[in-house]
Protein backbone atom coordinates (compact mmCIF):
# COMPACT_ATOMS: atom_id res chain seq x y z
CA MET A 1 -26.33 -17.64 19.44
CA ASP A 2 -26.24 -21.10 17.88
CA MET A 3 -27.50 -19.66 14.61
CA ILE A 4 -24.71 -17.05 14.55
CA LEU A 5 -22.12 -19.73 15.24
CA GLN A 6 -23.60 -21.92 12.53
CA GLY A 7 -23.47 -18.99 10.11
CA MET A 8 -19.79 -18.40 10.90
CA ILE A 9 -19.00 -22.08 10.36
CA GLN A 10 -20.89 -22.13 7.06
CA ALA A 11 -19.13 -18.96 5.90
CA PHE A 12 -15.78 -20.57 6.68
CA GLN A 13 -16.76 -23.70 4.78
CA LEU A 14 -17.86 -21.67 1.75
CA LEU A 15 -14.59 -19.76 1.73
CA VAL A 16 -12.40 -22.82 2.21
CA SER A 17 -14.24 -24.91 -0.37
CA GLY A 18 -14.09 -22.09 -2.91
CA ASP A 19 -17.80 -22.29 -3.68
CA ILE A 20 -18.12 -21.07 -7.28
CA GLU A 21 -21.44 -19.25 -6.84
CA ILE A 22 -20.36 -17.40 -3.70
CA THR A 23 -17.00 -16.54 -5.28
CA GLU A 24 -18.73 -15.06 -8.34
CA VAL A 25 -21.12 -13.07 -6.15
CA ALA A 26 -18.26 -11.77 -3.99
CA MET A 27 -16.17 -10.81 -7.02
CA LEU A 28 -19.11 -9.00 -8.62
CA THR A 29 -19.71 -7.18 -5.33
CA LEU A 30 -16.11 -5.93 -5.22
CA THR A 31 -16.11 -5.08 -8.93
CA VAL A 32 -19.34 -3.06 -8.80
CA SER A 33 -18.56 -1.26 -5.54
CA GLY A 34 -14.90 -0.72 -6.44
CA THR A 35 -15.76 0.74 -9.85
CA ALA A 36 -18.48 2.95 -8.37
CA THR A 37 -16.06 4.21 -5.72
CA ALA A 38 -13.41 4.95 -8.36
CA ILE A 39 -15.93 6.94 -10.43
CA SER A 40 -17.07 8.87 -7.35
CA VAL A 41 -13.45 9.72 -6.53
CA LEU A 42 -12.80 10.79 -10.13
CA PHE A 43 -15.64 13.31 -9.93
CA GLY A 44 -15.86 13.98 -6.19
CA VAL A 45 -12.28 14.96 -5.36
CA PRO A 46 -11.94 17.61 -8.11
CA LEU A 47 -15.39 18.98 -7.26
CA GLY A 48 -14.53 19.13 -3.56
CA LEU A 49 -11.25 20.89 -4.39
CA TRP A 50 -13.04 23.37 -6.63
CA LEU A 51 -15.68 24.14 -4.01
CA ALA A 52 -13.01 24.65 -1.34
CA LEU A 53 -10.82 26.97 -3.41
CA LYS A 54 -13.30 28.85 -5.59
CA GLU A 55 -15.19 31.85 -4.25
CA PHE A 56 -18.49 32.49 -6.02
CA TYR A 57 -22.05 33.56 -5.38
CA GLY A 58 -24.12 30.61 -4.15
CA LYS A 59 -21.17 28.66 -2.76
CA GLN A 60 -22.98 28.03 0.52
CA ALA A 61 -26.02 26.74 -1.35
CA CYS A 62 -23.81 24.34 -3.34
CA SER A 63 -22.18 23.16 -0.12
CA SER A 64 -25.61 22.57 1.39
CA LEU A 65 -26.62 20.48 -1.63
CA VAL A 66 -23.48 18.39 -1.29
CA ASN A 67 -24.12 17.87 2.42
CA PHE A 68 -27.72 16.96 1.65
CA GLY A 69 -26.53 14.46 -0.95
CA MET A 70 -24.34 12.74 1.63
CA GLY A 71 -27.50 11.49 3.32
CA LEU A 72 -29.54 10.86 0.17
CA PRO A 73 -31.69 7.71 0.59
CA PRO A 74 -30.40 4.94 -1.71
CA VAL A 75 -33.94 3.94 -2.72
CA VAL A 76 -34.47 7.45 -4.12
CA VAL A 77 -31.27 7.13 -6.14
CA GLY A 78 -32.41 3.73 -7.34
CA LEU A 79 -35.76 5.15 -8.39
CA ILE A 80 -34.17 8.02 -10.32
CA VAL A 81 -31.72 5.72 -12.11
CA SER A 82 -34.56 3.29 -12.90
CA LEU A 83 -36.65 6.06 -14.46
CA PHE A 84 -33.75 7.02 -16.72
CA LEU A 85 -32.72 3.47 -17.67
CA TRP A 86 -36.15 1.88 -17.95
CA ARG A 87 -37.32 0.82 -21.41
CA TYR A 88 -39.27 4.02 -22.00
CA GLY A 89 -36.82 6.27 -20.17
CA PRO A 90 -34.36 8.73 -21.77
CA LEU A 91 -31.59 6.11 -21.74
CA GLY A 92 -33.78 3.06 -22.26
CA ASP A 93 -32.37 2.32 -25.71
CA PHE A 94 -29.02 1.38 -24.18
CA GLY A 95 -30.53 -1.64 -22.41
CA LEU A 96 -28.67 -1.00 -19.15
CA MET A 97 -31.49 -1.85 -16.77
CA TYR A 98 -30.82 -4.97 -14.67
CA THR A 99 -27.12 -4.98 -15.50
CA PRO A 100 -24.00 -4.39 -13.39
CA VAL A 101 -23.55 -1.07 -15.23
CA ALA A 102 -26.85 0.18 -13.81
CA MET A 103 -25.73 -0.85 -10.33
CA ILE A 104 -22.42 0.98 -10.79
CA ILE A 105 -24.25 4.13 -11.88
CA ALA A 106 -26.56 4.02 -8.85
CA GLN A 107 -23.74 3.33 -6.39
CA ALA A 108 -21.55 6.04 -7.91
CA MET A 109 -24.38 8.54 -7.44
CA ILE A 110 -24.63 7.48 -3.79
CA ALA A 111 -20.89 7.70 -3.11
CA ALA A 112 -20.10 10.87 -5.08
CA PRO A 113 -21.66 13.36 -2.60
CA ILE A 114 -19.87 11.64 0.29
CA VAL A 115 -16.50 11.83 -1.44
CA THR A 116 -17.18 15.43 -2.51
CA GLY A 117 -18.26 16.59 0.94
CA LEU A 118 -15.39 14.98 2.82
CA SER A 119 -12.87 16.14 0.19
CA PHE A 120 -14.24 19.66 0.56
CA ALA A 121 -13.77 19.46 4.34
CA ALA A 122 -10.27 17.98 3.97
CA ILE A 123 -9.11 20.83 1.71
CA LEU A 124 -10.70 23.46 3.97
CA SER A 125 -8.78 22.06 6.95
CA ILE A 126 -5.52 23.22 5.32
CA ASN A 127 -4.26 26.74 5.87
CA PRO A 128 -6.07 28.82 3.19
CA LYS A 129 -2.94 30.90 2.64
CA LEU A 130 -0.91 27.87 1.57
CA ARG A 131 -2.16 27.90 -2.01
CA TRP A 132 -1.28 31.55 -2.50
CA GLN A 133 2.12 30.97 -0.94
CA LEU A 134 2.77 28.15 -3.40
CA ILE A 135 1.70 30.32 -6.34
CA SER A 136 3.86 33.22 -5.12
CA LEU A 137 6.82 30.82 -5.06
CA GLY A 138 6.33 30.05 -8.74
CA ALA A 139 3.91 27.12 -8.75
CA THR A 140 1.20 27.07 -11.40
CA PRO A 141 -2.44 26.82 -10.25
CA TRP A 142 -2.45 23.12 -11.24
CA GLN A 143 0.78 22.46 -9.34
CA ALA A 144 -0.55 24.30 -6.30
CA SER A 145 -3.78 22.27 -6.42
CA TRP A 146 -1.82 19.01 -6.68
CA LEU A 147 0.32 19.97 -3.68
CA LEU A 148 -2.84 20.76 -1.71
CA ILE A 149 -4.21 17.33 -2.57
CA ARG A 150 -1.00 15.72 -1.32
CA GLU A 151 -1.18 17.78 1.87
CA ALA A 152 -4.78 16.71 2.47
CA ARG A 153 -4.25 13.09 1.42
CA LEU A 154 -5.17 11.67 4.83
CA GLY A 155 -8.55 13.37 4.77
CA LEU A 156 -9.05 12.45 1.12
CA MET A 157 -8.33 8.79 1.87
CA ALA A 158 -10.93 8.99 4.61
CA ALA A 159 -13.37 10.25 1.95
CA VAL A 160 -12.56 7.24 -0.25
CA ILE A 161 -13.02 4.82 2.65
CA ALA A 162 -16.36 6.40 3.59
CA GLY A 163 -17.59 6.27 -0.01
CA PHE A 164 -16.60 2.64 -0.42
CA GLY A 165 -18.14 1.69 2.92
CA ARG A 166 -21.42 3.28 1.92
CA VAL A 167 -21.78 1.53 -1.44
CA ILE A 168 -20.56 -1.96 -0.56
CA SER A 169 -23.22 -2.14 2.15
CA GLU A 170 -25.96 -0.69 -0.09
CA VAL A 171 -28.90 -2.91 -1.00
CA GLY A 172 -31.99 -0.86 -1.91
CA ALA A 173 -30.76 0.82 -5.09
CA SER A 174 -28.89 -2.31 -6.17
CA MET A 175 -32.06 -4.40 -6.06
CA MET A 176 -34.09 -1.73 -7.85
CA VAL A 177 -31.73 -1.31 -10.81
CA GLY A 178 -30.03 -4.73 -10.75
CA GLY A 179 -32.88 -7.07 -9.95
CA ASN A 180 -30.75 -9.60 -8.02
CA ILE A 181 -30.41 -11.89 -11.06
CA LYS A 182 -28.39 -15.04 -10.40
CA GLY A 183 -25.09 -15.05 -12.26
CA GLN A 184 -25.60 -11.49 -13.54
CA THR A 185 -26.43 -8.87 -10.91
CA ARG A 186 -26.56 -10.75 -7.63
CA VAL A 187 -24.21 -9.26 -5.03
CA LEU A 188 -23.60 -10.15 -1.40
CA THR A 189 -26.10 -7.67 0.03
CA THR A 190 -28.95 -8.66 -2.28
CA ALA A 191 -28.12 -12.34 -1.80
CA THR A 192 -28.43 -11.84 1.96
CA VAL A 193 -31.86 -10.24 1.58
CA MET A 194 -32.96 -13.08 -0.68
CA GLU A 195 -31.89 -15.77 1.81
CA VAL A 196 -33.66 -13.96 4.64
CA GLY A 197 -36.82 -13.83 2.52
CA LYS A 198 -36.56 -17.60 1.98
CA GLY A 199 -36.08 -18.17 5.71
CA ASN A 200 -32.52 -19.47 5.32
CA TYR A 201 -31.11 -17.45 8.17
CA ASP A 202 -27.98 -19.57 8.55
CA MET A 203 -27.06 -19.01 4.90
CA ALA A 204 -27.93 -15.33 5.20
CA LEU A 205 -25.58 -15.05 8.17
CA ALA A 206 -22.86 -16.90 6.26
CA ILE A 207 -23.13 -14.48 3.31
CA SER A 208 -23.18 -11.55 5.74
CA PHE A 209 -19.93 -12.72 7.33
CA ILE A 210 -18.35 -13.06 3.88
CA LEU A 211 -19.50 -9.51 3.10
CA LEU A 212 -17.95 -8.25 6.34
CA ILE A 213 -14.69 -10.05 5.58
CA ALA A 214 -14.54 -8.62 2.05
CA ALA A 215 -15.37 -5.08 3.18
CA TYR A 216 -12.95 -5.22 6.09
CA SER A 217 -10.14 -6.48 3.85
CA ILE A 218 -10.52 -3.54 1.45
CA VAL A 219 -10.83 -1.03 4.30
CA VAL A 220 -7.67 -2.45 5.91
CA LEU A 221 -5.84 -1.94 2.62
CA LEU A 222 -7.08 1.63 2.25
CA THR A 223 -6.30 2.39 5.90
CA HIS A 224 -2.78 1.03 5.39
CA LEU A 225 -2.33 3.42 2.47
CA GLN A 226 -3.75 6.25 4.57
CA HIS A 227 -1.44 5.67 7.52
CA GLY A 228 1.46 4.90 5.21
CA GLY A 229 1.11 8.39 3.81
CA LYS A 230 1.18 9.79 7.33
CA ARG A 231 4.42 7.99 8.18
CA GLY A 232 5.99 9.34 5.03
CA ARG A 233 5.48 12.95 6.06
């Protein structure tokens, strides 16, 4: 209990003092996870919408793959990205290994199935006849799809929150493709693991509390947007 209290005090001191190293690590954490979440939303929401509205042979198999991807182990994603980005891999010439870009790619691959699956479920929860009613009233297919997205915005925001929550707490893939390099690829999760490995449990707890504060702040903002949309209905 004393160690937890000490960790909370140290976290407060780091935040108040504006420790440069911790600030850089926290900002990189938010940048990497935020960018990865944005990419996953860019691909996941349209794919979820397409899967929900399109009828085709093998749709159930595609849905199963998406659901399987929602629980894909991060270390497997990290391994796959490493094989592609490593020096002798297909994309090795780009020199992306052990960079924030590699971490963004890995985290986006982790979040994309979550955003896709929950977007798919959010669209399916709407009356399936609504789209055809909108089209019969003169809306184009794109306009009808946009109106469906607005109708399902609460569920879609939940997909964004879930995707962000998954990647900001991710550590395995980030260490595999980022390497936890000080000043370059070190984020709050990998910094916590490093401090634990060194036996600095008080510092590890302090970084963990900072991670929780950062994650909670973003989730509060997203939840505010989610509930704000509900009040506007």
